[in-house]
Amino acid sequence: MRSTPGFILLFSLSVSAHDAFVLRPTPSQVVKKSVTKHLAADNPDADEVPTPPLETRGGGSPRAKLPSTLPPLPTMTAYRKFALPCLGLWVSGPLLSLVDTAFVGLSGASSKSAEQLAALGPATTFFDGATYLFAFLNVATTNLYASARAQAGEDSDRAESVVRTASRVSLYCGLGLTAFLFAFARPLLALYIGPKAAATPGLIDDAVAYVKIRALSMPTTLVLGVLQAALLGAKDSVTPLIAILYSTIVNVIGDFILVNRLKWGLQGASMATTLAQWVATIALIGPARRELVKNGNLEILRKKTIVPDGVSGRAFLGFAAPVLTLILGKIAAFGFMTHVAAALPGQPVTLAAHQIILSLFFFVSPFLEVISQTAQTFLPTFFAPVKDYVVSRMKEDASYNVQNDAKAQEWFAAATTVGTRLLGLGMAVACVVATLASLIPAFFGGALSSDVAVQEAVKPLAPYLFAGCFLTAPVAVSEGILLARRELKFLASVYIVSTTLLPPALLRIKKLQEPVSYVWGAFAVFQLFRASCFTLRIWGNGVGKKLIGESGNVAPTE
């Protein structure tokens, strides 16, 4: 039996070290720290969105007031009504790739199945990574729109400005990314999969053709993403789901005709998925114009409406930039994993097995990411108003101490309760979906590939798939809470540390030509590291004190 790789010890020590120095600030301390920086400088702290102008009452100084009563805590029924349609949105992306994987793997001759899957693996990972790189637009849209509705009103000009700004920025980003993929898809894919896999006959050509066809949908895909995000910020997850249902139907029919009947392989799969993305965007634009802006004009091509306290492109990107660090960390992890899997012995079977496990993980992730989305949508209702209130009080009274304000603490406690309930829900869901996902490679590999060698290759990866999926729950839920609390610098720092540690471990696996199971073992430890850091930050104040051996100034948790 092989000895345990040294990277596992390295990651374990990193987890312990990080846990030892991270103390959880309470939500009130997060606000107090932000306000202190805000008052000390002309420019707002990069970790925060600029605080909107506060209402002036009777010609006096700006002031914000908390409502006399707390909003009712969300019930499980409210979560379910939001999360189930939202789940359909999150599943749609991985589902399209999984449908492509299944049609490509099962429609051709068994001798071609592994070759086609081997080309589809890096192609989908590369394209989805390019798309996911701009997911920071969606995160920024949801958070800014939900906060604007909580602070200024559901139909406020400020809230509408978020939608219009996000739509324009996403269109410009999509056009630029399309041009970039057409120009550099081949050299980047060759670099991405490495010379060993690129030498496989036909692999790089098929992968490049797939990426270029999918690139035609990039502008509409990014616009679709921000419109969905805005509707989710408005707690409407049904309208986007209807558009995605159209997209899924078109994709399945397209794959059946182009891949199964006409035998166009990867190019047919990419055409079907591109057409499906166009249909989804067209189906959503109309409802978005009616629900999100009063005059029905999203101003995607040119800005026409001037809103004095609106969210400008600069402010929008100011929030989105730190989120980009999170996205880059995730892309780097999956990118290095696929790069290393492509360089291990046993090609193309090894890369095909990795692609199946990766597709399953991406399919499972939305069941947990949707709870992160729920946190980002529901928490601003409790966090944004009290943040405005604390900002106002500290401007009026330099001696104001938020820790002694019972009213503010009541709101912060409510936000903590919402987060804790969502974590419990996430862990319960993770137990179910991780178990079901790991059963597929363990016992039903034939459902995704007709190649017997590939079916055998995925079996040892089942335990690692379970670990990676289960640990996604605390990672995803905690990320949602920290994003709602605007702790962007902390999130970015964790991703920088983890992304710095993971690639050397994976490259070590590549150098030693270890089994592909080692790649997924490294990923499980990567998930454990992030889960430990995030949950300790939010809920581990008492644990942190015991580790350091001091009382500190951190207020007791509820």
Protein backbone atom coordinates (compact mmCIF):
# COMPACT_ATOMS: atom_id res chain seq x y z
CA MET A 1 0.00 0.00 0.00
CA ARG A 2 1.24 3.47 -0.85
CA SER A 3 2.14 5.79 1.96
CA THR A 4 -0.12 8.75 2.68
CA PRO A 5 0.97 11.73 0.56
CA GLY A 6 2.68 14.53 2.43
CA PHE A 7 0.19 17.09 1.16
CA ILE A 8 -2.50 15.69 3.47
CA LEU A 9 -0.33 16.41 6.49
CA LEU A 10 0.44 19.86 5.09
CA PHE A 11 -3.23 20.70 4.68
CA SER A 12 -4.11 19.33 8.11
CA LEU A 13 -1.47 21.48 9.75
CA SER A 14 -2.74 24.48 7.78
CA VAL A 15 -6.26 23.89 9.04
CA SER A 16 -5.08 23.71 12.64
CA ALA A 17 -2.93 26.79 12.30
CA HIS A 18 -5.67 28.83 10.69
CA ASP A 19 -8.25 27.72 13.24
CA ALA A 20 -5.91 28.83 16.01
CA PHE A 21 -5.69 32.47 14.95
CA VAL A 22 -9.14 33.23 13.51
CA LEU A 23 -11.60 34.57 16.07
CA ARG A 24 -15.18 35.03 14.97
CA PRO A 25 -16.35 38.62 15.13
CA THR A 26 -20.03 38.99 15.89
CA PRO A 27 -22.14 40.67 13.20
CA SER A 28 -22.18 43.85 15.26
CA GLN A 29 -18.38 43.89 15.32
CA VAL A 30 -18.30 43.47 11.56
CA VAL A 31 -20.49 46.57 11.21
CA LYS A 32 -18.53 48.53 13.81
CA LYS A 33 -15.23 47.80 12.08
CA SER A 34 -16.69 48.84 8.73
CA VAL A 35 -18.15 52.07 10.09
CA THR A 36 -14.93 53.00 11.87
CA LYS A 37 -13.04 52.75 8.60
CA HIS A 38 -15.81 54.62 6.81
CA LEU A 39 -15.61 57.54 9.19
CA ALA A 40 -11.83 57.61 9.16
CA ALA A 41 -11.44 58.10 5.42
CA ASP A 42 -13.17 59.85 2.57
CA ASN A 43 -13.44 56.67 0.53
CA PRO A 44 -15.38 53.64 1.78
CA ASP A 45 -13.42 50.57 2.72
CA ALA A 46 -12.85 48.24 -0.23
CA ASP A 47 -14.49 45.45 1.74
CA GLU A 48 -17.84 47.26 1.75
CA VAL A 49 -20.32 48.71 -0.69
CA PRO A 50 -20.59 52.51 -0.21
CA THR A 51 -23.33 53.23 2.29
CA PRO A 52 -26.32 54.81 0.52
CA PRO A 53 -27.31 58.34 1.49
CA LEU A 54 -29.49 58.32 4.57
CA GLU A 55 -32.84 60.05 4.65
CA THR A 56 -32.88 63.63 5.93
CA ARG A 57 -35.80 64.36 8.22
CA GLY A 58 -37.02 67.89 8.81
CA GLY A 59 -33.87 69.50 7.44
CA GLY A 60 -31.75 67.85 10.13
CA SER A 61 -28.79 65.58 9.82
CA PRO A 62 -29.06 62.26 8.00
CA ARG A 63 -30.47 59.57 10.20
CA ALA A 64 -31.66 55.99 9.87
CA LYS A 65 -34.17 54.32 12.13
CA LEU A 66 -34.79 50.68 12.76
CA PRO A 67 -38.38 49.50 12.44
CA SER A 68 -40.13 49.16 15.79
CA THR A 69 -40.44 45.41 15.33
CA LEU A 70 -38.22 42.81 13.73
CA PRO A 71 -39.39 41.21 10.50
CA PRO A 72 -40.61 37.69 11.21
CA LEU A 73 -37.92 35.05 10.90
CA PRO A 74 -38.22 33.07 7.66
CA THR A 75 -40.04 29.78 8.10
CA MET A 76 -39.15 26.47 6.50
CA THR A 77 -42.11 27.02 4.19
CA ALA A 78 -40.64 30.33 3.03
CA TYR A 79 -37.24 28.69 2.47
CA ARG A 80 -38.85 25.84 0.57
CA LYS A 81 -40.91 28.11 -1.70
CA PHE A 82 -37.78 30.05 -2.58
CA ALA A 83 -35.17 27.28 -2.60
CA LEU A 84 -36.91 24.59 -4.65
CA PRO A 85 -37.39 26.74 -7.78
CA CYS A 86 -33.95 28.24 -7.16
CA LEU A 87 -32.55 24.72 -7.12
CA GLY A 88 -33.84 24.26 -10.64
CA LEU A 89 -31.78 27.27 -11.68
CA TRP A 90 -28.62 26.02 -10.03
CA VAL A 91 -29.05 22.51 -11.41
CA SER A 92 -29.64 23.74 -14.95
CA GLY A 93 -26.00 24.55 -15.74
CA PRO A 94 -24.49 21.26 -14.54
CA LEU A 95 -27.52 19.45 -15.96
CA LEU A 96 -26.75 20.75 -19.45
CA SER A 97 -23.16 19.50 -19.16
CA LEU A 98 -24.33 16.19 -17.67
CA VAL A 99 -26.82 15.74 -20.53
CA ASP A 100 -24.02 16.40 -23.01
CA THR A 101 -21.80 13.91 -21.17
CA ALA A 102 -24.48 11.22 -21.20
CA PHE A 103 -25.41 11.67 -24.89
CA VAL A 104 -21.78 11.79 -26.01
CA GLY A 105 -20.81 8.81 -23.83
CA LEU A 106 -23.74 6.60 -24.85
CA SER A 107 -24.58 7.58 -28.43
CA GLY A 108 -21.39 6.56 -30.20
CA ALA A 109 -19.61 3.24 -30.55
CA SER A 110 -18.07 1.96 -27.33
CA SER A 111 -14.59 2.29 -28.86
CA LYS A 112 -15.22 6.02 -29.36
CA SER A 113 -16.93 6.67 -26.00
CA ALA A 114 -13.75 7.18 -23.97
CA GLU A 115 -12.17 9.37 -26.66
CA GLN A 116 -15.21 11.63 -26.91
CA LEU A 117 -15.53 11.91 -23.13
CA ALA A 118 -11.81 12.65 -22.83
CA ALA A 119 -12.23 15.61 -25.21
CA LEU A 120 -15.48 16.72 -23.57
CA GLY A 121 -13.87 16.77 -20.11
CA PRO A 122 -11.34 19.58 -20.61
CA ALA A 123 -13.67 21.36 -23.06
CA THR A 124 -16.58 21.66 -20.62
CA THR A 125 -14.29 22.39 -17.67
CA PHE A 126 -12.50 25.10 -19.66
CA PHE A 127 -15.71 26.69 -20.95
CA ASP A 128 -17.61 26.40 -17.67
CA GLY A 129 -14.56 27.84 -15.94
CA ALA A 130 -14.55 30.81 -18.31
CA THR A 131 -18.25 31.32 -17.60
CA TYR A 132 -17.85 30.80 -13.87
CA LEU A 133 -15.08 33.38 -13.85
CA PHE A 134 -17.81 35.99 -14.33
CA ALA A 135 -20.12 34.55 -11.69
CA PHE A 136 -18.99 37.46 -9.51
CA LEU A 137 -21.46 39.53 -11.55
CA ASN A 138 -24.32 37.36 -10.29
CA VAL A 139 -23.12 37.42 -6.68
CA ALA A 140 -22.78 41.20 -6.76
CA THR A 141 -26.21 41.62 -8.36
CA THR A 142 -28.03 39.51 -5.78
CA ASN A 143 -26.34 41.13 -2.79
CA LEU A 144 -26.59 44.73 -4.01
CA TYR A 145 -30.16 44.35 -5.24
CA ALA A 146 -31.40 42.63 -2.06
CA SER A 147 -29.65 45.25 0.08
CA ALA A 148 -31.04 48.15 -1.99
CA ARG A 149 -34.56 46.78 -1.60
CA ALA A 150 -34.09 46.44 2.17
CA GLN A 151 -32.57 49.92 2.54
CA ALA A 152 -34.45 52.08 0.02
CA GLY A 153 -37.61 50.12 -0.82
CA GLU A 154 -38.63 47.38 -3.20
CA ASP A 155 -39.50 49.76 -6.06
CA SER A 156 -36.77 52.31 -5.42
CA ASP A 157 -34.69 53.91 -8.16
CA ARG A 158 -31.58 52.66 -6.38
CA ALA A 159 -32.72 49.04 -6.70
CA GLU A 160 -33.49 49.53 -10.39
CA SER A 161 -30.06 51.06 -10.95
CA VAL A 162 -28.46 47.83 -9.74
CA VAL A 163 -30.32 45.84 -12.40
CA ARG A 164 -29.49 48.22 -15.23
CA THR A 165 -25.82 48.52 -14.29
CA ALA A 166 -25.43 44.75 -13.92
CA SER A 167 -27.10 44.13 -17.29
CA ARG A 168 -24.78 46.51 -19.15
CA VAL A 169 -21.63 45.26 -17.45
CA SER A 170 -22.54 41.62 -18.13
CA LEU A 171 -23.21 42.25 -21.84
CA TYR A 172 -19.86 44.00 -22.33
CA CYS A 173 -18.06 41.23 -20.44
CA GLY A 174 -19.80 38.58 -22.55
CA LEU A 175 -18.84 40.18 -25.85
CA GLY A 176 -15.24 40.51 -24.72
CA LEU A 177 -15.09 36.93 -23.52
CA THR A 178 -16.50 35.61 -26.81
CA ALA A 179 -13.78 37.38 -28.77
CA PHE A 180 -11.14 36.14 -26.35
CA LEU A 181 -12.24 32.49 -26.64
CA PHE A 182 -12.27 32.60 -30.43
CA ALA A 183 -8.75 34.04 -30.46
CA PHE A 184 -7.07 31.95 -27.79
CA ALA A 185 -9.09 28.75 -27.27
CA ARG A 186 -6.57 26.43 -28.95
CA PRO A 187 -3.34 27.53 -27.23
CA LEU A 188 -5.06 27.83 -23.86
CA LEU A 189 -6.66 24.39 -24.14
CA ALA A 190 -3.34 22.87 -25.21
CA LEU A 191 -1.66 24.46 -22.20
CA TYR A 192 -4.56 23.47 -19.97
CA ILE A 193 -4.58 19.74 -20.71
CA GLY A 194 -0.81 19.41 -21.16
CA PRO A 195 1.26 17.94 -24.00
CA LYS A 196 0.58 14.31 -23.07
CA ALA A 197 -3.20 14.54 -23.45
CA ALA A 198 -2.93 17.02 -26.33
CA ALA A 199 -0.97 14.40 -28.28
CA THR A 200 -4.01 12.09 -28.28
CA PRO A 201 -5.30 12.10 -31.89
CA GLY A 202 -8.30 14.37 -32.37
CA LEU A 203 -8.66 15.37 -28.71
CA ILE A 204 -7.54 18.99 -28.96
CA ASP A 205 -9.45 19.60 -32.24
CA ASP A 206 -12.72 18.29 -30.81
CA ALA A 207 -12.28 20.28 -27.59
CA VAL A 208 -11.54 23.54 -29.44
CA ALA A 209 -14.55 23.11 -31.73
CA TYR A 210 -16.80 22.56 -28.71
CA VAL A 211 -15.52 25.68 -26.92
CA LYS A 212 -15.81 27.97 -29.96
CA ILE A 213 -19.41 26.99 -30.65
CA ARG A 214 -20.37 27.43 -26.98
CA ALA A 215 -18.62 30.82 -26.98
CA LEU A 216 -21.36 32.20 -29.26
CA SER A 217 -23.76 32.05 -26.31
CA MET A 218 -21.49 33.89 -23.88
CA PRO A 219 -23.04 37.42 -24.08
CA THR A 220 -26.58 36.13 -23.58
CA THR A 221 -25.42 33.70 -20.90
CA LEU A 222 -23.93 36.45 -18.73
CA VAL A 223 -26.98 38.71 -19.18
CA LEU A 224 -29.19 35.75 -18.27
CA GLY A 225 -27.14 35.22 -15.12
CA VAL A 226 -27.52 38.76 -13.75
CA LEU A 227 -31.23 38.92 -14.55
CA GLN A 228 -31.73 35.65 -12.70
CA ALA A 229 -29.66 37.01 -9.81
CA ALA A 230 -31.79 40.17 -9.59
CA LEU A 231 -35.01 38.19 -9.56
CA LEU A 232 -33.58 35.96 -6.83
CA GLY A 233 -32.68 39.09 -4.86
CA ALA A 234 -36.37 39.98 -5.13
CA LYS A 235 -37.17 36.49 -3.74
CA ASP A 236 -38.67 35.43 -7.07
CA SER A 237 -37.20 32.07 -8.04
CA VAL A 238 -40.16 30.87 -10.13
CA THR A 239 -39.86 33.25 -13.09
CA PRO A 240 -36.22 32.33 -13.88
CA LEU A 241 -37.09 28.65 -13.51
CA ILE A 242 -39.65 28.85 -16.30
CA ALA A 243 -37.00 30.20 -18.66
CA ILE A 244 -34.61 27.44 -17.66
CA LEU A 245 -37.26 24.79 -18.29
CA TYR A 246 -37.48 26.01 -21.89
CA SER A 247 -33.70 25.82 -22.08
CA THR A 248 -33.54 22.26 -20.74
CA ILE A 249 -36.20 21.00 -23.15
CA VAL A 250 -34.39 22.55 -26.11
CA ASN A 251 -31.06 21.08 -24.98
CA VAL A 252 -32.38 17.53 -24.58
CA ILE A 253 -34.17 17.59 -27.92
CA GLY A 254 -31.13 19.12 -29.59
CA ASP A 255 -28.77 16.51 -28.16
CA PHE A 256 -31.12 13.72 -29.20
CA ILE A 257 -31.28 14.96 -32.79
CA LEU A 258 -27.72 16.18 -33.30
CA VAL A 259 -25.78 13.67 -31.18
CA ASN A 260 -27.91 10.53 -31.02
CA ARG A 261 -29.55 10.62 -34.46
CA LEU A 262 -27.14 12.59 -36.68
CA LYS A 263 -23.99 11.40 -34.84
CA TRP A 264 -22.38 14.86 -34.77
CA GLY A 265 -20.64 14.10 -31.49
CA LEU A 266 -19.17 16.99 -29.50
CA GLN A 267 -20.05 19.61 -32.10
CA GLY A 268 -23.70 18.55 -32.03
CA ALA A 269 -23.72 18.69 -28.22
CA SER A 270 -22.24 22.19 -28.21
CA MET A 271 -24.77 23.41 -30.79
CA ALA A 272 -27.67 22.08 -28.74
CA THR A 273 -26.41 23.72 -25.54
CA THR A 274 -25.74 27.06 -27.27
CA LEU A 275 -29.25 27.13 -28.72
CA ALA A 276 -30.66 26.28 -25.28
CA GLN A 277 -28.86 29.25 -23.70
CA TRP A 278 -30.24 31.63 -26.35
CA VAL A 279 -33.77 30.39 -25.74
CA ALA A 280 -33.47 30.85 -21.96
CA THR A 281 -32.27 34.46 -22.30
CA ILE A 282 -35.03 35.40 -24.73
CA ALA A 283 -37.62 33.84 -22.43
CA LEU A 284 -36.41 35.78 -19.38
CA ILE A 285 -35.87 39.28 -20.77
CA GLY A 286 -39.59 40.04 -21.07
CA PRO A 287 -40.55 39.11 -17.48
CA ALA A 288 -37.41 40.86 -16.15
CA ARG A 289 -38.39 44.11 -17.86
CA ARG A 290 -41.87 43.96 -16.32
CA GLU A 291 -40.82 43.00 -12.78
CA LEU A 292 -37.49 44.73 -12.20
CA VAL A 293 -37.84 48.19 -13.77
CA LYS A 294 -40.89 50.44 -13.75
CA ASN A 295 -40.53 51.81 -17.30
CA GLY A 296 -39.71 48.41 -18.81
CA ASN A 297 -36.30 49.52 -20.12
CA LEU A 298 -33.28 47.59 -18.87
CA GLU A 299 -30.92 50.02 -20.70
CA ILE A 300 -28.61 47.16 -21.60
CA LEU A 301 -26.95 48.95 -24.52
CA ARG A 302 -26.79 52.52 -23.19
CA LYS A 303 -27.38 54.26 -19.87
CA LYS A 304 -30.28 56.71 -20.03
CA THR A 305 -31.64 57.08 -16.49
CA ILE A 306 -29.57 59.07 -13.97
CA VAL A 307 -30.17 58.08 -10.34
CA PRO A 308 -28.45 60.36 -7.77
CA ASP A 309 -27.94 57.61 -5.19
CA GLY A 310 -27.87 54.77 -7.74
CA VAL A 311 -25.25 52.06 -8.02
CA SER A 312 -22.76 53.06 -10.70
CA GLY A 313 -20.59 50.70 -12.69
CA ARG A 314 -17.65 51.66 -10.47
CA ALA A 315 -19.54 50.89 -7.26
CA PHE A 316 -20.86 47.65 -8.73
CA LEU A 317 -17.37 46.47 -9.70
CA GLY A 318 -16.06 47.71 -6.35
CA PHE A 319 -18.18 45.06 -4.66
CA ALA A 320 -17.59 42.46 -7.36
CA ALA A 321 -13.78 42.68 -7.45
CA PRO A 322 -13.12 40.90 -4.12
CA VAL A 323 -15.69 38.26 -5.07
CA LEU A 324 -13.61 37.61 -8.19
CA THR A 325 -10.84 36.33 -5.91
CA LEU A 326 -13.21 33.66 -4.62
CA ILE A 327 -14.15 32.67 -8.15
CA LEU A 328 -10.52 32.49 -9.26
CA GLY A 329 -9.71 30.24 -6.32
CA LYS A 330 -12.42 27.76 -7.29
CA ILE A 331 -11.50 27.84 -10.98
CA ALA A 332 -7.84 27.27 -10.13
CA ALA A 333 -8.74 24.22 -8.03
CA PHE A 334 -10.79 22.48 -10.72
CA GLY A 335 -8.43 23.60 -13.45
CA PHE A 336 -5.38 22.10 -11.75
CA MET A 337 -7.32 18.93 -10.99
CA THR A 338 -8.22 18.39 -14.65
CA HIS A 339 -4.72 19.35 -15.78
CA VAL A 340 -3.16 16.76 -13.48
CA ALA A 341 -5.76 14.09 -14.32
CA ALA A 342 -4.90 14.55 -18.00
CA ALA A 343 -1.22 13.88 -17.26
CA LEU A 344 -1.66 10.66 -15.24
CA PRO A 345 -1.20 7.13 -16.64
CA GLY A 346 -4.00 5.25 -18.37
CA GLN A 347 -5.24 7.84 -20.87
CA PRO A 348 -7.86 8.38 -22.11
CA VAL A 349 -9.65 6.24 -19.49
CA THR A 350 -8.19 8.19 -16.55
CA LEU A 351 -9.36 11.55 -17.86
CA ALA A 352 -12.76 10.10 -18.78
CA ALA A 353 -13.22 8.80 -15.21
CA HIS A 354 -12.20 12.19 -13.82
CA GLN A 355 -14.73 13.90 -16.11
CA ILE A 356 -17.56 11.68 -14.86
CA ILE A 357 -16.76 12.39 -11.19
CA LEU A 358 -16.38 16.09 -11.93
CA SER A 359 -19.76 16.18 -13.70
CA LEU A 360 -21.39 14.42 -10.75
CA PHE A 361 -19.84 16.87 -8.31
CA PHE A 362 -21.02 19.84 -10.37
CA PHE A 363 -24.48 18.29 -10.50
CA VAL A 364 -24.61 17.83 -6.70
CA SER A 365 -23.16 21.24 -5.81
CA PRO A 366 -26.30 23.24 -6.70
CA PHE A 367 -28.29 21.38 -4.04
CA LEU A 368 -26.00 23.08 -1.51
CA GLU A 369 -25.19 26.30 -3.36
CA VAL A 370 -28.90 27.06 -3.40
CA ILE A 371 -28.76 27.37 0.40
CA SER A 372 -25.92 29.86 -0.01
CA GLN A 373 -28.16 31.77 -2.40
CA THR A 374 -30.96 31.63 0.19
CA ALA A 375 -28.66 33.18 2.79
CA GLN A 376 -27.64 35.98 0.42
CA THR A 377 -31.30 36.71 -0.33
CA PHE A 378 -32.85 36.51 3.15
CA LEU A 379 -30.08 37.83 5.42
CA PRO A 380 -29.96 41.41 4.00
CA THR A 381 -33.50 41.90 5.35
CA PHE A 382 -32.01 41.71 8.86
CA PHE A 383 -28.47 42.93 8.25
CA ALA A 384 -28.80 45.90 5.85
CA PRO A 385 -31.23 48.05 7.93
CA VAL A 386 -29.26 47.65 11.16
CA LYS A 387 -26.05 48.48 9.34
CA ASP A 388 -27.54 51.78 8.16
CA TYR A 389 -28.79 52.42 11.67
CA VAL A 390 -25.37 51.83 13.25
CA VAL A 391 -23.68 54.04 10.63
CA SER A 392 -26.09 56.86 11.48
CA ARG A 393 -25.66 56.48 15.23
CA MET A 394 -21.87 56.47 15.07
CA LYS A 395 -21.87 59.60 12.94
CA GLU A 396 -24.10 61.36 15.48
CA ASP A 397 -22.36 60.14 18.62
CA ALA A 398 -18.69 59.21 18.67
CA SER A 399 -19.15 57.42 22.01
CA TYR A 400 -21.89 55.15 20.66
CA ASN A 401 -21.16 51.46 21.35
CA VAL A 402 -23.13 49.03 19.26
CA GLN A 403 -22.45 46.26 21.79
CA ASN A 404 -24.61 48.10 24.33
CA ASP A 405 -27.47 48.78 21.96
CA ALA A 406 -30.12 46.18 22.78
CA LYS A 407 -32.18 47.06 19.71
CA ALA A 408 -29.29 46.55 17.31
CA GLN A 409 -28.21 43.37 19.06
CA GLU A 410 -31.71 41.99 18.64
CA TRP A 411 -31.41 42.40 14.88
CA PHE A 412 -27.94 40.87 14.81
CA ALA A 413 -29.15 37.92 16.87
CA ALA A 414 -31.97 37.37 14.38
CA ALA A 415 -29.47 37.32 11.51
CA THR A 416 -27.34 34.77 13.40
CA THR A 417 -30.39 32.58 13.97
CA VAL A 418 -31.21 32.62 10.27
CA GLY A 419 -27.64 31.61 9.41
CA THR A 420 -27.55 28.78 11.96
CA ARG A 421 -30.80 27.32 10.69
CA LEU A 422 -29.53 27.41 7.13
CA LEU A 423 -26.35 25.59 8.14
CA GLY A 424 -28.37 22.81 9.75
CA LEU A 425 -30.50 22.54 6.63
CA GLY A 426 -27.40 22.38 4.46
CA MET A 427 -25.82 19.56 6.46
CA ALA A 428 -29.02 17.51 6.26
CA VAL A 429 -29.24 17.97 2.50
CA ALA A 430 -25.55 17.13 2.10
CA CYS A 431 -25.97 13.76 3.81
CA VAL A 432 -28.59 12.75 1.27
CA VAL A 433 -27.13 14.09 -1.98
CA ALA A 434 -23.54 13.07 -1.20
CA THR A 435 -24.66 9.51 -0.52
CA LEU A 436 -26.76 9.27 -3.68
CA ALA A 437 -24.01 10.80 -5.85
CA SER A 438 -21.33 8.43 -4.58
CA LEU A 439 -23.53 5.38 -5.30
CA ILE A 440 -23.46 6.12 -9.04
CA PRO A 441 -19.73 5.54 -9.65
CA ALA A 442 -19.66 2.76 -7.05
CA PHE A 443 -22.46 0.65 -8.53
CA PHE A 444 -23.96 2.29 -11.64
CA GLY A 445 -21.01 3.45 -13.75
CA GLY A 446 -22.69 2.02 -16.84
CA ALA A 447 -25.26 4.80 -16.68
CA LEU A 448 -22.68 7.34 -17.84
CA SER A 449 -20.32 5.32 -20.04
CA SER A 450 -20.53 2.19 -22.16
CA ASP A 451 -16.77 1.63 -21.81
CA VAL A 452 -16.09 -1.12 -19.24
CA ALA A 453 -12.64 0.29 -18.44
CA VAL A 454 -14.15 3.67 -17.56
CA GLN A 455 -16.79 2.00 -15.40
CA GLU A 456 -14.08 0.25 -13.38
CA ALA A 457 -11.95 3.41 -13.17
CA VAL A 458 -14.67 5.46 -11.46
CA LYS A 459 -15.38 2.96 -8.66
CA PRO A 460 -12.38 3.89 -6.42
CA LEU A 461 -13.35 7.56 -6.70
CA ALA A 462 -16.74 7.14 -5.00
CA PRO A 463 -15.54 7.76 -1.37
CA TYR A 464 -13.70 10.91 -2.42
CA LEU A 465 -16.76 12.15 -4.25
CA PHE A 466 -18.82 11.67 -1.07
CA ALA A 467 -16.29 13.61 1.03
CA GLY A 468 -16.06 16.48 -1.43
CA CYS A 469 -19.85 16.75 -1.75
CA PHE A 470 -20.54 16.53 1.99
CA LEU A 471 -17.98 19.19 2.89
CA THR A 472 -19.49 21.51 0.29
CA ALA A 473 -22.41 22.12 2.68
CA PRO A 474 -20.55 24.10 5.38
CA VAL A 475 -18.46 25.80 2.68
CA ALA A 476 -21.43 26.97 0.62
CA VAL A 477 -23.69 28.04 3.50
CA SER A 478 -20.89 29.88 5.29
CA GLU A 479 -19.88 31.65 2.08
CA GLY A 480 -23.43 32.90 1.65
CA ILE A 481 -23.53 34.25 5.20
CA LEU A 482 -20.13 35.92 4.91
CA LEU A 483 -21.10 37.49 1.58
CA ALA A 484 -24.30 38.85 3.14
CA ARG A 485 -22.18 40.25 5.99
CA ARG A 486 -19.75 41.72 3.40
CA GLU A 487 -16.71 39.99 4.88
CA LEU A 488 -15.13 39.93 1.46
CA LYS A 489 -11.52 40.38 2.54
CA PHE A 490 -11.69 37.41 4.86
CA LEU A 491 -13.22 35.22 2.16
CA ALA A 492 -10.56 36.33 -0.31
CA SER A 493 -7.74 35.65 2.15
CA VAL A 494 -8.91 32.07 2.76
CA TYR A 495 -9.08 31.39 -0.95
CA ILE A 496 -5.64 32.86 -1.52
CA VAL A 497 -4.16 30.60 1.17
CA SER A 498 -5.95 27.45 0.01
CA THR A 499 -5.27 28.11 -3.66
CA THR A 500 -1.61 28.61 -2.86
CA LEU A 501 -1.40 25.24 -1.11
CA LEU A 502 -3.43 23.05 -3.49
CA PRO A 503 -1.50 23.35 -6.80
CA PRO A 504 1.88 22.20 -5.38
CA ALA A 505 0.14 19.16 -3.90
CA LEU A 506 -1.49 18.33 -7.23
CA LEU A 507 1.72 18.87 -9.17
CA ARG A 508 3.42 16.48 -6.76
CA ILE A 509 0.79 13.87 -7.65
CA LYS A 510 1.48 14.52 -11.33
CA LYS A 511 5.22 14.14 -10.85
CA LEU A 512 4.87 10.83 -9.00
CA GLN A 513 2.22 9.59 -11.49
CA GLU A 514 -0.14 8.60 -8.71
CA PRO A 515 -3.69 7.30 -9.31
CA VAL A 516 -6.41 9.83 -10.11
CA SER A 517 -7.96 9.05 -6.71
CA TYR A 518 -5.14 11.08 -5.16
CA VAL A 519 -6.39 14.13 -7.10
CA TRP A 520 -9.83 13.80 -5.55
CA GLY A 521 -8.34 13.09 -2.13
CA ALA A 522 -6.49 16.41 -2.36
CA PHE A 523 -9.75 18.12 -3.28
CA ALA A 524 -11.50 16.67 -0.22
CA VAL A 525 -8.80 18.16 2.00
CA PHE A 526 -9.14 21.47 0.14
CA GLN A 527 -12.85 21.46 1.03
CA LEU A 528 -12.07 20.60 4.67
CA PHE A 529 -9.71 23.56 4.92
CA ARG A 530 -12.30 26.04 3.65
CA ALA A 531 -15.10 24.55 5.75
CA SER A 532 -12.99 24.85 8.90
CA CYS A 533 -12.02 28.47 8.24
CA PHE A 534 -15.50 29.67 7.33
CA THR A 535 -17.47 27.96 10.09
CA LEU A 536 -14.97 29.02 12.74
CA ARG A 537 -15.24 32.60 11.56
CA ILE A 538 -19.02 32.62 11.99
CA TRP A 539 -19.74 30.23 14.86
CA GLY A 540 -16.40 29.36 16.46
CA ASN A 541 -15.80 32.28 18.81
CA GLY A 542 -15.76 30.09 21.90
CA VAL A 543 -13.51 27.52 20.26
CA GLY A 544 -11.13 30.23 19.14
CA LYS A 545 -10.83 31.62 22.65
CA LYS A 546 -9.97 28.22 24.08
CA LEU A 547 -7.32 27.65 21.44
CA ILE A 548 -5.64 30.97 22.11
CA GLY A 549 -6.20 30.93 25.87
CA GLU A 550 -7.45 34.46 26.31
CA SER A 551 -10.77 36.13 26.90
CA GLY A 552 -10.38 38.84 24.25
CA ASN A 553 -12.96 41.46 23.42
CA VAL A 554 -15.28 39.32 21.35
CA ALA A 555 -18.84 39.55 22.56
CA PRO A 556 -20.52 36.32 23.58
CA THR A 557 -22.56 34.62 20.91
CA GLU A 558 -26.21 34.00 21.15
